[in-house]
Amino acid sequence: MGVDLGPLFKKEKCSINDLKNRVIAIDAHNTLHQFLSIIRQRDGTPLKDSQGKITSHLSGLLYRTANLIEAKIKPVYIFDGEPHPFKTQTLEQRKERKEQAEKEWKKALEKGDLETAKTKAQQTSRVTDEIIQQSKELLNALGIPHVQAPSEGEAQASYMVKKGDAYAVGSQDFDCLLFGSPILIRNLTISGRRKLPGKKIYIKTNPELIRLQPNLKSLGILHRQLIDMAILIGTDFNPGIKGIGPKKSLELIKKTGNVENALALIGKSNAPTFSEINEIRNIFLKPRVTDKYLLQWSKPDKERVLKILCDHHQFSQERVESALEKFSTIEYMVKQKNLFDF
């Protein structure tokens, strides 16, 4: 789920109103996983239609997007492409954790322990190809643009921010800063509350903004050195060095200059090779991205949305129509010319 660099970064408080008329490149996989984890019944079962197909992602996508549009924020969802081969181990570990959580979920249900059951169930969420396709279909009907990344979605989103096509990346993970996004927005939700991963606790949240360059300056490091710190901690592309967290990695990189010198200093035998280090650096510094996208927002196709959600998945027509009313601001937003006020 990305590198935990949070303790090192200074975060600026911001409100939803501060993001008015901004284009936010949203990490679709991160967002869909959040919906699949949180939108569940008391026993942990995700929302399903009459055919037994999961619909939690569609519910979350509709209402979250409606709230963003009502707040005059212009979302564009970025979908992951083909993962880098170095990510295979991480994906396998995630799969194993989900399988274990599924076993524990079933055991908790057998015992009648609904609280534990729901917590374990939330750890079993999988963003499947079908879920991705259904999400894209709904976004098309809602008139919301989405971009298919060649590889990492956060790399593509970061590239779009660097180009000036978006104001910030919207994600809970910090990886977009490794990919060079100038700005990260976390807690991009209208509800003002967020569930802590793997826990039964909801906390009050406000959007927080993290600027890359001011933080690098404050830490006294370069962007390349931030990547080296992440390699020491562990990324989606390498397991990291046991016992090294954000503060220790910062200390080592500032003392030695780069990850190679840091590893030589601490003498770790299970460290990545120099060749692997360079490959991981290049994943972040020279990611696979595309310019083949069109950022265009339009009024929802009401009939198509109702067909997808109500006819195919038995959503309440009254609730869907109520959500669609929030898209009335879309015409105002499309007319805005000066989207960015840096």
C-alpha atoms as a PDB file:
ATOM      1  CA  MET A   1       0.000   0.000   0.000  1.00  0.00           C
ATOM      2  CA  GLY A   2       2.919   2.332  -0.601  1.00  0.00           C
ATOM      3  CA  VAL A   3       5.768   3.745   1.470  1.00  0.00           C
ATOM      4  CA  ASP A   4       4.937   5.226   4.875  1.00  0.00           C
ATOM      5  CA  LEU A   5       6.665   8.600   4.668  1.00  0.00           C
ATOM      6  CA  GLY A   6       3.918  10.408   6.554  1.00  0.00           C
ATOM      7  CA  PRO A   7       5.866  11.137   9.763  1.00  0.00           C
ATOM      8  CA  LEU A   8       8.431  13.172   7.816  1.00  0.00           C
ATOM      9  CA  PHE A   9       6.166  15.467   5.823  1.00  0.00           C
ATOM     10  CA  LYS A  10       4.643  18.762   6.829  1.00  0.00           C
ATOM     11  CA  LYS A  11       0.957  18.771   5.979  1.00  0.00           C
ATOM     12  CA  GLU A  12      -1.107  21.844   5.229  1.00  0.00           C
ATOM     13  CA  LYS A  13      -4.736  21.897   6.271  1.00  0.00           C
ATOM     14  CA  CYS A  14      -7.134  22.724   3.491  1.00  0.00           C
ATOM     15  CA  SER A  15     -10.877  22.646   2.987  1.00  0.00           C
ATOM     16  CA  ILE A  16     -12.972  21.242   0.190  1.00  0.00           C
ATOM     17  CA  ASN A  17     -13.734  24.837  -0.768  1.00  0.00           C
ATOM     18  CA  ASP A  18      -9.995  25.459  -1.319  1.00  0.00           C
ATOM     19  CA  LEU A  19     -10.115  22.871  -4.108  1.00  0.00           C
ATOM     20  CA  LYS A  20     -12.997  24.512  -5.964  1.00  0.00           C
ATOM     21  CA  ASN A  21     -12.476  24.469  -9.762  1.00  0.00           C
ATOM     22  CA  ARG A  22      -9.354  22.316  -9.356  1.00  0.00           C
ATOM     23  CA  VAL A  23      -8.682  19.182 -11.381  1.00  0.00           C
ATOM     24  CA  ILE A  24      -7.696  16.337  -9.057  1.00  0.00           C
ATOM     25  CA  ALA A  25      -6.095  13.201 -10.538  1.00  0.00           C
ATOM     26  CA  ILE A  26      -7.490  10.451  -8.319  1.00  0.00           C
ATOM     27  CA  ASP A  27      -5.736   7.128  -7.809  1.00  0.00           C
ATOM     28  CA  ALA A  28      -8.591   4.858  -8.925  1.00  0.00           C
ATOM     29  CA  HIS A  29      -7.219   1.605  -7.492  1.00  0.00           C
ATOM     30  CA  ASN A  30      -6.656   3.193  -4.089  1.00  0.00           C
ATOM     31  CA  THR A  31     -10.162   4.678  -4.132  1.00  0.00           C
ATOM     32  CA  LEU A  32     -11.954   1.522  -5.298  1.00  0.00           C
ATOM     33  CA  HIS A  33     -10.129  -0.554  -2.712  1.00  0.00           C
ATOM     34  CA  GLN A  34     -11.311   1.898  -0.071  1.00  0.00           C
ATOM     35  CA  PHE A  35     -14.940   1.529  -1.202  1.00  0.00           C
ATOM     36  CA  LEU A  36     -14.727  -2.270  -1.305  1.00  0.00           C
ATOM     37  CA  SER A  37     -13.252  -2.330   2.197  1.00  0.00           C
ATOM     38  CA  ILE A  38     -15.609   0.094   3.906  1.00  0.00           C
ATOM     39  CA  ILE A  39     -18.985  -0.287   2.191  1.00  0.00           C
ATOM     40  CA  ARG A  40     -20.088  -3.549   3.772  1.00  0.00           C
ATOM     41  CA  GLN A  41     -22.880  -5.009   5.856  1.00  0.00           C
ATOM     42  CA  ARG A  42     -22.618  -5.746   9.595  1.00  0.00           C
ATOM     43  CA  ASP A  43     -21.162  -9.214   9.047  1.00  0.00           C
ATOM     44  CA  GLY A  44     -18.580  -7.916   6.563  1.00  0.00           C
ATOM     45  CA  THR A  45     -20.398  -8.981   3.406  1.00  0.00           C
ATOM     46  CA  PRO A  46     -19.984  -6.389   0.635  1.00  0.00           C
ATOM     47  CA  LEU A  47     -23.031  -4.868  -1.023  1.00  0.00           C
ATOM     48  CA  LYS A  48     -24.360  -7.197  -3.720  1.00  0.00           C
ATOM     49  CA  ASP A  49     -27.124  -7.222  -6.311  1.00  0.00           C
ATOM     50  CA  SER A  50     -29.717  -9.969  -6.808  1.00  0.00           C
ATOM     51  CA  GLN A  51     -27.235 -11.975  -8.902  1.00  0.00           C
ATOM     52  CA  GLY A  52     -24.690 -11.928  -6.089  1.00  0.00           C
ATOM     53  CA  LYS A  53     -22.358  -9.479  -7.834  1.00  0.00           C
ATOM     54  CA  ILE A  54     -20.495  -6.974  -5.649  1.00  0.00           C
ATOM     55  CA  THR A  55     -21.708  -3.378  -5.980  1.00  0.00           C
ATOM     56  CA  SER A  56     -19.863  -1.592  -3.151  1.00  0.00           C
ATOM     57  CA  HIS A  57     -17.503   0.059  -5.646  1.00  0.00           C
ATOM     58  CA  LEU A  58     -20.368   1.391  -7.758  1.00  0.00           C
ATOM     59  CA  SER A  59     -22.112   2.833  -4.717  1.00  0.00           C
ATOM     60  CA  GLY A  60     -18.953   4.525  -3.492  1.00  0.00           C
ATOM     61  CA  LEU A  61     -18.030   5.831  -6.922  1.00  0.00           C
ATOM     62  CA  LEU A  62     -21.477   7.351  -7.517  1.00  0.00           C
ATOM     63  CA  TYR A  63     -21.821   9.141  -4.187  1.00  0.00           C
ATOM     64  CA  ARG A  64     -18.179  10.204  -3.793  1.00  0.00           C
ATOM     65  CA  THR A  65     -18.082  11.618  -7.323  1.00  0.00           C
ATOM     66  CA  ALA A  66     -21.441  13.345  -6.866  1.00  0.00           C
ATOM     67  CA  ASN A  67     -20.161  15.055  -3.714  1.00  0.00           C
ATOM     68  CA  LEU A  68     -16.961  16.185  -5.436  1.00  0.00           C
ATOM     69  CA  ILE A  69     -18.862  17.594  -8.406  1.00  0.00           C
ATOM     70  CA  GLU A  70     -21.324  19.362  -6.102  1.00  0.00           C
ATOM     71  CA  ALA A  71     -18.295  20.968  -4.410  1.00  0.00           C
ATOM     72  CA  LYS A  72     -17.123  22.093  -7.889  1.00  0.00           C
ATOM     73  CA  ILE A  73     -14.071  19.817  -7.832  1.00  0.00           C
ATOM     74  CA  LYS A  74     -13.200  18.212 -11.178  1.00  0.00           C
ATOM     75  CA  PRO A  75     -12.110  14.593 -10.642  1.00  0.00           C
ATOM     76  CA  VAL A  76     -10.299  12.444 -13.180  1.00  0.00           C
ATOM     77  CA  TYR A  77      -9.740   8.813 -12.204  1.00  0.00           C
ATOM     78  CA  ILE A  78      -6.422   7.163 -13.089  1.00  0.00           C
ATOM     79  CA  PHE A  79      -6.411   3.369 -13.479  1.00  0.00           C
ATOM     80  CA  ASP A  80      -3.395   1.103 -13.046  1.00  0.00           C
ATOM     81  CA  GLY A  81      -1.911  -0.653 -16.049  1.00  0.00           C
ATOM     82  CA  GLU A  82       0.573  -3.522 -16.194  1.00  0.00           C
ATOM     83  CA  PRO A  83       2.584  -3.832 -12.956  1.00  0.00           C
ATOM     84  CA  HIS A  84       6.371  -3.791 -13.044  1.00  0.00           C
ATOM     85  CA  PRO A  85       7.922  -7.280 -12.604  1.00  0.00           C
ATOM     86  CA  PHE A  86       9.533  -6.093  -9.354  1.00  0.00           C
ATOM     87  CA  LYS A  87       6.025  -5.736  -7.892  1.00  0.00           C
ATOM     88  CA  THR A  88       5.308  -9.473  -8.164  1.00  0.00           C
ATOM     89  CA  GLN A  89       6.465 -10.286  -4.628  1.00  0.00           C
ATOM     90  CA  THR A  90       4.352  -7.497  -3.130  1.00  0.00           C
ATOM     91  CA  LEU A  91       1.267  -8.650  -5.038  1.00  0.00           C
ATOM     92  CA  GLU A  92       1.806 -12.249  -3.914  1.00  0.00           C
ATOM     93  CA  GLN A  93       2.149 -11.157  -0.290  1.00  0.00           C
ATOM     94  CA  ARG A  94      -1.064  -9.128  -0.543  1.00  0.00           C
ATOM     95  CA  LYS A  95      -2.844 -12.148  -2.014  1.00  0.00           C
ATOM     96  CA  GLU A  96      -1.663 -14.358   0.851  1.00  0.00           C
ATOM     97  CA  ARG A  97      -2.798 -11.803   3.443  1.00  0.00           C
ATOM     98  CA  LYS A  98      -6.232 -11.594   1.832  1.00  0.00           C
ATOM     99  CA  GLU A  99      -6.572 -15.388   1.805  1.00  0.00           C
ATOM    100  CA  GLN A 100      -5.633 -15.565   5.490  1.00  0.00           C
ATOM    101  CA  ALA A 101      -8.075 -12.768   6.336  1.00  0.00           C
ATOM    102  CA  GLU A 102     -10.816 -14.642   4.475  1.00  0.00           C
ATOM    103  CA  LYS A 103     -10.253 -17.726   6.642  1.00  0.00           C
ATOM    104  CA  GLU A 104     -10.357 -15.614   9.801  1.00  0.00           C
ATOM    105  CA  TRP A 105     -13.522 -13.870   8.567  1.00  0.00           C
ATOM    106  CA  LYS A 106     -15.301 -17.219   8.190  1.00  0.00           C
ATOM    107  CA  LYS A 107     -14.150 -18.371  11.634  1.00  0.00           C
ATOM    108  CA  ALA A 108     -15.429 -15.160  13.221  1.00  0.00           C
ATOM    109  CA  LEU A 109     -18.811 -15.626  11.510  1.00  0.00           C
ATOM    110  CA  GLU A 110     -19.041 -19.179  12.830  1.00  0.00           C
ATOM    111  CA  LYS A 111     -18.448 -17.833  16.351  1.00  0.00           C
ATOM    112  CA  GLY A 112     -21.010 -15.064  15.856  1.00  0.00           C
ATOM    113  CA  ASP A 113     -18.351 -12.381  16.406  1.00  0.00           C
ATOM    114  CA  LEU A 114     -19.645  -9.794  13.927  1.00  0.00           C
ATOM    115  CA  GLU A 115     -17.197  -7.047  14.882  1.00  0.00           C
ATOM    116  CA  THR A 116     -14.152  -9.215  14.194  1.00  0.00           C
ATOM    117  CA  ALA A 117     -15.845 -10.654  11.121  1.00  0.00           C
ATOM    118  CA  LYS A 118     -16.316  -7.218   9.577  1.00  0.00           C
ATOM    119  CA  THR A 119     -12.749  -6.168  10.377  1.00  0.00           C
ATOM    120  CA  LYS A 120     -11.333  -9.300   8.747  1.00  0.00           C
ATOM    121  CA  ALA A 121     -13.717  -9.040   5.802  1.00  0.00           C
ATOM    122  CA  GLN A 122     -12.446  -5.552   5.020  1.00  0.00           C
ATOM    123  CA  GLN A 123      -8.976  -7.025   4.556  1.00  0.00           C
ATOM    124  CA  THR A 124     -10.191  -9.384   1.804  1.00  0.00           C
ATOM    125  CA  SER A 125     -11.093  -6.707  -0.759  1.00  0.00           C
ATOM    126  CA  ARG A 126      -9.938  -7.346  -4.328  1.00  0.00           C
ATOM    127  CA  VAL A 127     -10.115  -4.891  -7.219  1.00  0.00           C
ATOM    128  CA  THR A 128     -10.852  -7.334 -10.045  1.00  0.00           C
ATOM    129  CA  ASP A 129     -10.888  -6.743 -13.803  1.00  0.00           C
ATOM    130  CA  GLU A 130     -14.696  -6.874 -13.714  1.00  0.00           C
ATOM    131  CA  ILE A 131     -14.840  -4.225 -10.984  1.00  0.00           C
ATOM    132  CA  ILE A 132     -12.504  -1.983 -12.984  1.00  0.00           C
ATOM    133  CA  GLN A 133     -14.575  -2.381 -16.150  1.00  0.00           C
ATOM    134  CA  GLN A 134     -17.837  -1.678 -14.312  1.00  0.00           C
ATOM    135  CA  SER A 135     -16.283   1.415 -12.724  1.00  0.00           C
ATOM    136  CA  LYS A 136     -15.149   2.780 -16.086  1.00  0.00           C
ATOM    137  CA  GLU A 137     -18.589   2.139 -17.559  1.00  0.00           C
ATOM    138  CA  LEU A 138     -20.245   4.086 -14.740  1.00  0.00           C
ATOM    139  CA  LEU A 139     -17.763   6.970 -15.047  1.00  0.00           C
ATOM    140  CA  ASN A 140     -18.496   7.177 -18.776  1.00  0.00           C
ATOM    141  CA  ALA A 141     -22.213   7.403 -18.038  1.00  0.00           C
ATOM    142  CA  LEU A 142     -21.586  10.065 -15.386  1.00  0.00           C
ATOM    143  CA  GLY A 143     -19.550  12.171 -17.825  1.00  0.00           C
ATOM    144  CA  ILE A 144     -16.374  11.889 -15.748  1.00  0.00           C
ATOM    145  CA  PRO A 145     -13.016  11.366 -17.513  1.00  0.00           C
ATOM    146  CA  HIS A 146     -10.700   8.509 -16.659  1.00  0.00           C
ATOM    147  CA  VAL A 147      -7.209   7.634 -17.845  1.00  0.00           C
ATOM    148  CA  GLN A 148      -5.680   4.210 -18.397  1.00  0.00           C
ATOM    149  CA  ALA A 149      -2.070   4.278 -17.216  1.00  0.00           C
ATOM    150  CA  PRO A 150       0.494   2.110 -19.023  1.00  0.00           C
ATOM    151  CA  SER A 151       1.774   0.931 -15.640  1.00  0.00           C
ATOM    152  CA  GLU A 152       1.474   2.558 -12.199  1.00  0.00           C
ATOM    153  CA  GLY A 153      -1.602   4.768 -11.819  1.00  0.00           C
ATOM    154  CA  GLU A 154       0.160   7.066  -9.356  1.00  0.00           C
ATOM    155  CA  ALA A 155       2.988   7.581 -11.846  1.00  0.00           C
ATOM    156  CA  GLN A 156       0.492   8.664 -14.508  1.00  0.00           C
ATOM    157  CA  ALA A 157      -1.383  10.917 -12.087  1.00  0.00           C
ATOM    158  CA  SER A 158       1.885  12.524 -10.968  1.00  0.00           C
ATOM    159  CA  TYR A 159       2.898  13.107 -14.581  1.00  0.00           C
ATOM    160  CA  MET A 160      -0.396  14.876 -15.265  1.00  0.00           C
ATOM    161  CA  VAL A 161       0.144  17.171 -12.279  1.00  0.00           C
ATOM    162  CA  LYS A 162       3.703  17.957 -13.393  1.00  0.00           C
ATOM    163  CA  LYS A 163       2.358  18.780 -16.869  1.00  0.00           C
ATOM    164  CA  GLY A 164      -0.201  21.159 -15.398  1.00  0.00           C
ATOM    165  CA  ASP A 165      -3.197  19.098 -16.522  1.00  0.00           C
ATOM    166  CA  ALA A 166      -4.193  18.544 -12.887  1.00  0.00           C
ATOM    167  CA  TYR A 167      -3.640  20.471  -9.680  1.00  0.00           C
ATOM    168  CA  ALA A 168      -2.833  17.536  -7.410  1.00  0.00           C
ATOM    169  CA  VAL A 169      -2.922  13.776  -7.023  1.00  0.00           C
ATOM    170  CA  GLY A 170      -5.719  12.510  -4.781  1.00  0.00           C
ATOM    171  CA  SER A 171      -4.581   9.426  -2.861  1.00  0.00           C
ATOM    172  CA  GLN A 172      -4.051   8.115   0.660  1.00  0.00           C
ATOM    173  CA  ASP A 173      -0.609   6.790  -0.319  1.00  0.00           C
ATOM    174  CA  PHE A 174       2.581   8.835  -0.458  1.00  0.00           C
ATOM    175  CA  ASP A 175       4.033   7.067  -3.516  1.00  0.00           C
ATOM    176  CA  CYS A 176       3.010   9.868  -5.878  1.00  0.00           C
ATOM    177  CA  LEU A 177       5.628  12.058  -4.163  1.00  0.00           C
ATOM    178  CA  LEU A 178       8.252   9.479  -5.129  1.00  0.00           C
ATOM    179  CA  PHE A 179       6.944   9.772  -8.690  1.00  0.00           C
ATOM    180  CA  GLY A 180       7.498  13.526  -8.432  1.00  0.00           C
ATOM    181  CA  SER A 181       3.989  14.926  -8.018  1.00  0.00           C
ATOM    182  CA  PRO A 182       4.333  18.533  -6.821  1.00  0.00           C
ATOM    183  CA  ILE A 183       1.183  18.232  -4.676  1.00  0.00           C
ATOM    184  CA  LEU A 184      -0.609  15.374  -2.916  1.00  0.00           C
ATOM    185  CA  ILE A 185      -4.118  15.714  -1.464  1.00  0.00           C
ATOM    186  CA  ARG A 186      -5.059  13.157   1.189  1.00  0.00           C
ATOM    187  CA  ASN A 187      -8.462  12.598   2.825  1.00  0.00           C
ATOM    188  CA  LEU A 188     -10.323  13.803  -0.246  1.00  0.00           C
ATOM    189  CA  THR A 189     -13.755  13.066   1.141  1.00  0.00           C
ATOM    190  CA  ILE A 190     -16.788  15.187   1.909  1.00  0.00           C
ATOM    191  CA  SER A 191     -17.948  13.178   4.915  1.00  0.00           C
ATOM    192  CA  GLY A 192     -15.134  14.388   7.173  1.00  0.00           C
ATOM    193  CA  ARG A 193     -14.512  10.928   8.622  1.00  0.00           C
ATOM    194  CA  ARG A 194     -12.264   8.049   7.645  1.00  0.00           C
ATOM    195  CA  LYS A 195     -11.926   4.497   8.884  1.00  0.00           C
ATOM    196  CA  LEU A 196      -8.512   3.422  10.101  1.00  0.00           C
ATOM    197  CA  PRO A 197      -7.232   0.425   8.068  1.00  0.00           C
ATOM    198  CA  GLY A 198      -7.902  -2.905   9.779  1.00  0.00           C
ATOM    199  CA  LYS A 199      -9.558  -1.282  12.803  1.00  0.00           C
ATOM    200  CA  LYS A 200     -13.080  -0.577  14.024  1.00  0.00           C
ATOM    201  CA  ILE A 201     -12.322   3.096  14.505  1.00  0.00           C
ATOM    202  CA  TYR A 202     -13.433   6.125  12.487  1.00  0.00           C
ATOM    203  CA  ILE A 203     -11.541   9.379  12.877  1.00  0.00           C
ATOM    204  CA  LYS A 204     -12.454  12.928  11.945  1.00  0.00           C
ATOM    205  CA  THR A 205     -10.512  14.052   8.917  1.00  0.00           C
ATOM    206  CA  ASN A 206     -10.007  17.109   6.791  1.00  0.00           C
ATOM    207  CA  PRO A 207      -8.253  17.244   3.448  1.00  0.00           C
ATOM    208  CA  GLU A 208      -4.528  17.742   3.874  1.00  0.00           C
ATOM    209  CA  LEU A 209      -2.138  19.059   1.269  1.00  0.00           C
ATOM    210  CA  ILE A 210       1.504  18.007   0.986  1.00  0.00           C
ATOM    211  CA  ARG A 211       3.864  19.962  -1.270  1.00  0.00           C
ATOM    212  CA  LEU A 212       6.902  18.052  -2.481  1.00  0.00           C
ATOM    213  CA  GLN A 213       9.536  20.760  -2.980  1.00  0.00           C
ATOM    214  CA  PRO A 214       9.028  22.656   0.310  1.00  0.00           C
ATOM    215  CA  ASN A 215       9.238  19.337   2.163  1.00  0.00           C
ATOM    216  CA  LEU A 216      12.413  18.298   0.364  1.00  0.00           C
ATOM    217  CA  LYS A 217      13.943  21.659   1.254  1.00  0.00           C
ATOM    218  CA  SER A 218      12.869  21.319   4.879  1.00  0.00           C
ATOM    219  CA  LEU A 219      14.331  17.802   5.084  1.00  0.00           C
ATOM    220  CA  GLY A 220      17.533  18.930   3.376  1.00  0.00           C
ATOM    221  CA  ILE A 221      17.436  16.296   0.634  1.00  0.00           C
ATOM    222  CA  LEU A 222      16.894  15.985  -3.113  1.00  0.00           C
ATOM    223  CA  HIS A 223      14.015  14.125  -4.782  1.00  0.00           C
ATOM    224  CA  ARG A 224      16.424  11.360  -5.819  1.00  0.00           C
ATOM    225  CA  GLN A 225      17.464  10.973  -2.177  1.00  0.00           C
ATOM    226  CA  LEU A 226      13.819  10.685  -1.121  1.00  0.00           C
ATOM    227  CA  ILE A 227      13.575   7.711  -3.469  1.00  0.00           C
ATOM    228  CA  ASP A 228      16.733   6.236  -1.920  1.00  0.00           C
ATOM    229  CA  MET A 229      15.152   6.621   1.512  1.00  0.00           C
ATOM    230  CA  ALA A 230      12.095   4.740   0.274  1.00  0.00           C
ATOM    231  CA  ILE A 231      14.296   1.911  -1.028  1.00  0.00           C
ATOM    232  CA  LEU A 232      15.792   1.533   2.448  1.00  0.00           C
ATOM    233  CA  ILE A 233      12.333   1.543   4.087  1.00  0.00           C
ATOM    234  CA  GLY A 234      10.784  -0.726   1.463  1.00  0.00           C
ATOM    235  CA  THR A 235       8.564   0.020  -1.528  1.00  0.00           C
ATOM    236  CA  ASP A 236       6.079  -1.940  -3.605  1.00  0.00           C
ATOM    237  CA  PHE A 237       9.129  -2.986  -5.640  1.00  0.00           C
ATOM    238  CA  ASN A 238      11.499  -4.129  -2.867  1.00  0.00           C
ATOM    239  CA  PRO A 239      11.096  -5.371   0.724  1.00  0.00           C
ATOM    240  CA  GLY A 240      13.397  -2.832   2.377  1.00  0.00           C
ATOM    241  CA  ILE A 241      15.871  -3.310   5.206  1.00  0.00           C
ATOM    242  CA  LYS A 242      14.553  -4.653   8.495  1.00  0.00           C
ATOM    243  CA  GLY A 243      14.645  -2.111  11.295  1.00  0.00           C
ATOM    244  CA  ILE A 244      14.850   0.955   9.064  1.00  0.00           C
ATOM    245  CA  GLY A 245      11.924   3.369   9.152  1.00  0.00           C
ATOM    246  CA  PRO A 246      11.423   6.915   7.877  1.00  0.00           C
ATOM    247  CA  LYS A 247      13.587   8.687  10.480  1.00  0.00           C
ATOM    248  CA  LYS A 248      16.465   6.202  10.304  1.00  0.00           C
ATOM    249  CA  SER A 249      16.473   6.260   6.505  1.00  0.00           C
ATOM    250  CA  LEU A 250      16.594  10.068   6.493  1.00  0.00           C
ATOM    251  CA  GLU A 251      19.523  10.002   8.898  1.00  0.00           C
ATOM    252  CA  LEU A 252      21.420   7.479   6.764  1.00  0.00           C
ATOM    253  CA  ILE A 253      20.825   9.236   3.443  1.00  0.00           C
ATOM    254  CA  LYS A 254      21.802  12.643   4.833  1.00  0.00           C
ATOM    255  CA  LYS A 255      24.953  11.097   6.289  1.00  0.00           C
ATOM    256  CA  THR A 256      26.004   8.997   3.281  1.00  0.00           C
ATOM    257  CA  GLY A 257      24.377  10.723   0.291  1.00  0.00           C
ATOM    258  CA  ASN A 258      22.752   7.697  -1.349  1.00  0.00           C
ATOM    259  CA  VAL A 259      21.392   4.226  -0.718  1.00  0.00           C
ATOM    260  CA  GLU A 260      24.522   2.431  -1.978  1.00  0.00           C
ATOM    261  CA  ASN A 261      26.720   4.211   0.571  1.00  0.00           C
ATOM    262  CA  ALA A 262      24.118   3.705   3.290  1.00  0.00           C
ATOM    263  CA  LEU A 263      24.049  -0.044   2.676  1.00  0.00           C
ATOM    264  CA  ALA A 264      27.838  -0.186   2.700  1.00  0.00           C
ATOM    265  CA  LEU A 265      27.845   1.621   6.048  1.00  0.00           C
ATOM    266  CA  ILE A 266      25.331  -0.659   7.768  1.00  0.00           C
ATOM    267  CA  GLY A 267      26.627  -3.815   6.049  1.00  0.00           C
ATOM    268  CA  LYS A 268      23.339  -5.528   5.227  1.00  0.00           C
ATOM    269  CA  SER A 269      23.775  -8.763   3.281  1.00  0.00           C
ATOM    270  CA  ASN A 270      20.131  -9.107   2.208  1.00  0.00           C
ATOM    271  CA  ALA A 271      20.066  -5.724   0.470  1.00  0.00           C
ATOM    272  CA  PRO A 272      19.151  -5.203  -3.206  1.00  0.00           C
ATOM    273  CA  THR A 273      22.018  -5.257  -5.695  1.00  0.00           C
ATOM    274  CA  PHE A 274      23.264  -2.041  -7.299  1.00  0.00           C
ATOM    275  CA  SER A 275      21.534  -3.093 -10.504  1.00  0.00           C
ATOM    276  CA  GLU A 276      18.236  -3.596  -8.673  1.00  0.00           C
ATOM    277  CA  ILE A 277      18.633  -0.244  -6.908  1.00  0.00           C
ATOM    278  CA  ASN A 278      19.059   1.541 -10.240  1.00  0.00           C
ATOM    279  CA  GLU A 279      16.025  -0.253 -11.654  1.00  0.00           C
ATOM    280  CA  ILE A 280      13.874   0.779  -8.677  1.00  0.00           C
ATOM    281  CA  ARG A 281      15.096   4.369  -8.962  1.00  0.00           C
ATOM    282  CA  ASN A 282      14.143   4.420 -12.631  1.00  0.00           C
ATOM    283  CA  ILE A 283      10.647   3.122 -11.840  1.00  0.00           C
ATOM    284  CA  PHE A 284      10.118   6.398  -9.967  1.00  0.00           C
ATOM    285  CA  LEU A 285      12.323   8.733 -12.023  1.00  0.00           C
ATOM    286  CA  LYS A 286      11.456   7.449 -15.508  1.00  0.00           C
ATOM    287  CA  PRO A 287       8.039   5.779 -15.182  1.00  0.00           C
ATOM    288  CA  ARG A 288       5.946   4.555 -18.087  1.00  0.00           C
ATOM    289  CA  VAL A 289       3.294   7.218 -18.743  1.00  0.00           C
ATOM    290  CA  THR A 290       1.097   8.344 -21.615  1.00  0.00           C
ATOM    291  CA  ASP A 291      -0.139  11.576 -23.179  1.00  0.00           C
ATOM    292  CA  LYS A 292      -3.082   9.772 -24.752  1.00  0.00           C
ATOM    293  CA  TYR A 293      -5.940  11.118 -22.671  1.00  0.00           C
ATOM    294  CA  LEU A 294      -8.702  13.679 -22.956  1.00  0.00           C
ATOM    295  CA  LEU A 295      -9.898  15.604 -19.917  1.00  0.00           C
ATOM    296  CA  GLN A 296     -13.492  16.438 -20.682  1.00  0.00           C
ATOM    297  CA  TRP A 297     -16.412  16.623 -18.251  1.00  0.00           C
ATOM    298  CA  SER A 298     -20.017  16.480 -19.411  1.00  0.00           C
ATOM    299  CA  LYS A 299     -23.544  16.131 -18.058  1.00  0.00           C
ATOM    300  CA  PRO A 300     -24.436  12.608 -16.923  1.00  0.00           C
ATOM    301  CA  ASP A 301     -26.450  10.402 -19.248  1.00  0.00           C
ATOM    302  CA  LYS A 302     -29.283   9.868 -16.773  1.00  0.00           C
ATOM    303  CA  GLU A 303     -30.941   6.997 -18.634  1.00  0.00           C
ATOM    304  CA  ARG A 304     -27.641   5.162 -18.968  1.00  0.00           C
ATOM    305  CA  VAL A 305     -26.783   5.651 -15.290  1.00  0.00           C
ATOM    306  CA  LEU A 306     -30.214   4.372 -14.219  1.00  0.00           C
ATOM    307  CA  LYS A 307     -29.875   1.380 -16.515  1.00  0.00           C
ATOM    308  CA  ILE A 308     -26.459   0.470 -15.099  1.00  0.00           C
ATOM    309  CA  LEU A 309     -27.303   0.961 -11.439  1.00  0.00           C
ATOM    310  CA  CYS A 310     -31.037   0.343 -11.167  1.00  0.00           C
ATOM    311  CA  ASP A 311     -31.839  -2.099 -13.969  1.00  0.00           C
ATOM    312  CA  HIS A 312     -28.640  -4.149 -13.765  1.00  0.00           C
ATOM    313  CA  HIS A 313     -27.803  -3.883 -10.055  1.00  0.00           C
ATOM    314  CA  GLN A 314     -31.096  -3.010  -8.303  1.00  0.00           C
ATOM    315  CA  PHE A 315     -30.012   0.345  -6.832  1.00  0.00           C
ATOM    316  CA  SER A 316     -32.783   2.568  -5.478  1.00  0.00           C
ATOM    317  CA  GLN A 317     -33.880   4.818  -8.335  1.00  0.00           C
ATOM    318  CA  GLU A 318     -34.846   7.565  -5.900  1.00  0.00           C
ATOM    319  CA  ARG A 319     -31.378   7.595  -4.315  1.00  0.00           C
ATOM    320  CA  VAL A 320     -29.580   7.489  -7.665  1.00  0.00           C
ATOM    321  CA  GLU A 321     -31.663  10.375  -9.012  1.00  0.00           C
ATOM    322  CA  SER A 322     -30.938  12.336  -5.836  1.00  0.00           C
ATOM    323  CA  ALA A 323     -27.200  11.816  -6.368  1.00  0.00           C
ATOM    324  CA  LEU A 324     -27.476  12.860 -10.013  1.00  0.00           C
ATOM    325  CA  GLU A 325     -29.022  16.176  -8.953  1.00  0.00           C
ATOM    326  CA  LYS A 326     -25.638  17.085  -7.470  1.00  0.00           C
ATOM    327  CA  PHE A 327     -24.183  17.052 -10.989  1.00  0.00           C
ATOM    328  CA  SER A 328     -26.109  20.228 -11.804  1.00  0.00           C
ATOM    329  CA  THR A 329     -22.901  22.214 -11.170  1.00  0.00           C
ATOM    330  CA  ILE A 330     -21.119  20.454 -14.047  1.00  0.00           C
ATOM    331  CA  GLU A 331     -22.195  23.064 -16.611  1.00  0.00           C
ATOM    332  CA  TYR A 332     -20.768  25.853 -14.454  1.00  0.00           C
ATOM    333  CA  MET A 333     -17.501  23.956 -14.040  1.00  0.00           C
ATOM    334  CA  VAL A 334     -17.077  23.256 -17.736  1.00  0.00           C
ATOM    335  CA  LYS A 335     -17.349  26.977 -18.470  1.00  0.00           C
ATOM    336  CA  GLN A 336     -14.537  27.882 -16.092  1.00  0.00           C
ATOM    337  CA  LYS A 337     -11.386  28.865 -17.959  1.00  0.00           C
ATOM    338  CA  ASN A 338      -8.929  29.661 -15.194  1.00  0.00           C
ATOM    339  CA  LEU A 339      -8.786  26.307 -13.445  1.00  0.00           C
ATOM    340  CA  PHE A 340      -5.424  26.767 -11.792  1.00  0.00           C
ATOM    341  CA  ASP A 341      -4.501  29.558  -9.435  1.00  0.00           C
ATOM    342  CA  PHE A 342      -1.056  28.613  -8.273  1.00  0.00           C
END
